[in-house]
Amino acid sequence: MTVVTATELKNRLGQSLMTSMAEPVFIEKSGKVQNVLLSEKMYREMVERLEELEDLVWGTAAESAEKEGFVASEESKELLGL
């Protein structure tokens, strides 16, 4: 894990950009990590993984609701004659 101060980032941006191609670069300001520098590839991979996890959560919730007797909106409309 690479940690740089905001001042170091400003003074050595090129080096931090190169490092971020291989691993996240955590940026400290006032002694606390405030930001993270990621490569575009790493960012896209993280977004894709988060979307997969979100789909899994919603799918599991839908399965659970169905087991408890809830029905999908289309099935609800059919049951109501709409």
C-alpha atoms as a PDB file:
ATOM      1  CA  MET A   1       0.000   0.000   0.000  1.00  0.00           C
ATOM      2  CA  THR A   2       1.448   3.329  -1.052  1.00  0.00           C
ATOM      3  CA  VAL A   3       0.637   6.435   0.981  1.00  0.00           C
ATOM      4  CA  VAL A   4       1.732   9.938  -0.044  1.00  0.00           C
ATOM      5  CA  THR A   5       0.988  13.343   1.355  1.00  0.00           C
ATOM      6  CA  ALA A   6      -0.864  15.867  -0.775  1.00  0.00           C
ATOM      7  CA  THR A   7       2.368  17.871  -1.036  1.00  0.00           C
ATOM      8  CA  GLU A   8       4.312  14.800  -2.208  1.00  0.00           C
ATOM      9  CA  LEU A   9       1.607  14.107  -4.769  1.00  0.00           C
ATOM     10  CA  LYS A  10       1.857  17.656  -6.078  1.00  0.00           C
ATOM     11  CA  ASN A  11       5.637  17.469  -6.319  1.00  0.00           C
ATOM     12  CA  ARG A  12       5.819  13.936  -7.741  1.00  0.00           C
ATOM     13  CA  LEU A  13       2.586  13.504  -9.679  1.00  0.00           C
ATOM     14  CA  GLY A  14       4.187  11.492 -12.485  1.00  0.00           C
ATOM     15  CA  GLN A  15       5.650   8.981 -10.054  1.00  0.00           C
ATOM     16  CA  SER A  16       2.313   8.605  -8.233  1.00  0.00           C
ATOM     17  CA  LEU A  17       0.496   8.117 -11.538  1.00  0.00           C
ATOM     18  CA  MET A  18       2.924   5.325 -12.469  1.00  0.00           C
ATOM     19  CA  THR A  19       2.487   3.694  -9.051  1.00  0.00           C
ATOM     20  CA  SER A  20      -1.304   3.888  -9.368  1.00  0.00           C
ATOM     21  CA  MET A  21      -1.120   1.707 -12.484  1.00  0.00           C
ATOM     22  CA  ALA A  22      -0.124  -1.204 -10.222  1.00  0.00           C
ATOM     23  CA  GLU A  23      -1.772  -0.344  -6.905  1.00  0.00           C
ATOM     24  CA  PRO A  24      -3.959   2.307  -5.280  1.00  0.00           C
ATOM     25  CA  VAL A  25      -2.133   5.376  -3.989  1.00  0.00           C
ATOM     26  CA  PHE A  26      -3.627   6.727  -0.786  1.00  0.00           C
ATOM     27  CA  ILE A  27      -3.316  10.491  -0.372  1.00  0.00           C
ATOM     28  CA  GLU A  28      -3.000  12.013   3.080  1.00  0.00           C
ATOM     29  CA  LYS A  29      -3.866  15.543   4.054  1.00  0.00           C
ATOM     30  CA  SER A  30      -3.508  16.780   7.622  1.00  0.00           C
ATOM     31  CA  GLY A  31      -2.383  13.291   8.679  1.00  0.00           C
ATOM     32  CA  LYS A  32      -5.493  11.490   7.418  1.00  0.00           C
ATOM     33  CA  VAL A  33      -6.120   9.597   4.205  1.00  0.00           C
ATOM     34  CA  GLN A  34      -8.521  11.769   2.229  1.00  0.00           C
ATOM     35  CA  ASN A  35      -8.381  10.398  -1.317  1.00  0.00           C
ATOM     36  CA  VAL A  36      -7.261   7.425  -3.370  1.00  0.00           C
ATOM     37  CA  LEU A  37      -5.614   7.552  -6.794  1.00  0.00           C
ATOM     38  CA  LEU A  38      -6.535   4.569  -9.010  1.00  0.00           C
ATOM     39  CA  SER A  39      -5.764   3.587 -12.556  1.00  0.00           C
ATOM     40  CA  GLU A  40      -8.701   3.745 -14.957  1.00  0.00           C
ATOM     41  CA  LYS A  41      -8.572  -0.050 -15.346  1.00  0.00           C
ATOM     42  CA  MET A  42      -8.659  -0.636 -11.595  1.00  0.00           C
ATOM     43  CA  TYR A  43     -11.542   1.822 -11.225  1.00  0.00           C
ATOM     44  CA  ARG A  44     -13.586   0.080 -13.938  1.00  0.00           C
ATOM     45  CA  GLU A  45     -12.899  -3.340 -12.401  1.00  0.00           C
ATOM     46  CA  MET A  46     -14.064  -2.097  -8.997  1.00  0.00           C
ATOM     47  CA  VAL A  47     -17.229  -0.567 -10.455  1.00  0.00           C
ATOM     48  CA  GLU A  48     -17.973  -3.791 -12.341  1.00  0.00           C
ATOM     49  CA  ARG A  49     -17.484  -5.875  -9.197  1.00  0.00           C
ATOM     50  CA  LEU A  50     -19.708  -3.550  -7.156  1.00  0.00           C
ATOM     51  CA  GLU A  51     -22.433  -3.804  -9.813  1.00  0.00           C
ATOM     52  CA  GLU A  52     -22.172  -7.616  -9.708  1.00  0.00           C
ATOM     53  CA  LEU A  53     -22.511  -7.554  -5.921  1.00  0.00           C
ATOM     54  CA  GLU A  54     -25.490  -5.206  -6.154  1.00  0.00           C
ATOM     55  CA  ASP A  55     -27.186  -7.571  -8.628  1.00  0.00           C
ATOM     56  CA  LEU A  56     -26.508 -10.470  -6.263  1.00  0.00           C
ATOM     57  CA  VAL A  57     -28.021  -8.593  -3.313  1.00  0.00           C
ATOM     58  CA  TRP A  58     -31.153  -7.614  -5.259  1.00  0.00           C
ATOM     59  CA  GLY A  59     -31.486 -11.132  -6.702  1.00  0.00           C
ATOM     60  CA  THR A  60     -31.245 -12.662  -3.246  1.00  0.00           C
ATOM     61  CA  ALA A  61     -33.805 -10.188  -1.909  1.00  0.00           C
ATOM     62  CA  ALA A  62     -36.189 -11.037  -4.765  1.00  0.00           C
ATOM     63  CA  GLU A  63     -35.813 -14.777  -4.146  1.00  0.00           C
ATOM     64  CA  SER A  64     -36.437 -14.247  -0.442  1.00  0.00           C
ATOM     65  CA  ALA A  65     -39.539 -12.149  -1.146  1.00  0.00           C
ATOM     66  CA  GLU A  66     -40.863 -14.789  -3.553  1.00  0.00           C
ATOM     67  CA  LYS A  67     -40.391 -17.515  -0.917  1.00  0.00           C
ATOM     68  CA  GLU A  68     -42.361 -15.377   1.534  1.00  0.00           C
ATOM     69  CA  GLY A  69     -45.280 -15.165  -0.876  1.00  0.00           C
ATOM     70  CA  PHE A  70     -44.654 -11.874  -2.622  1.00  0.00           C
ATOM     71  CA  VAL A  71     -45.133 -11.895  -6.385  1.00  0.00           C
ATOM     72  CA  ALA A  72     -43.601  -9.894  -9.201  1.00  0.00           C
ATOM     73  CA  SER A  73     -45.397  -6.793 -10.518  1.00  0.00           C
ATOM     74  CA  GLU A  74     -46.485  -8.502 -13.752  1.00  0.00           C
ATOM     75  CA  GLU A  75     -47.925 -11.443 -11.810  1.00  0.00           C
ATOM     76  CA  SER A  76     -49.658  -8.999  -9.457  1.00  0.00           C
ATOM     77  CA  LYS A  77     -51.305  -7.285 -12.440  1.00  0.00           C
ATOM     78  CA  GLU A  78     -52.522 -10.643 -13.774  1.00  0.00           C
ATOM     79  CA  LEU A  79     -53.967 -11.601 -10.386  1.00  0.00           C
ATOM     80  CA  LEU A  80     -55.755  -8.250 -10.209  1.00  0.00           C
ATOM     81  CA  GLY A  81     -57.042  -8.580 -13.759  1.00  0.00           C
ATOM     82  CA  LEU A  82     -55.197  -5.510 -15.021  1.00  0.00           C
END
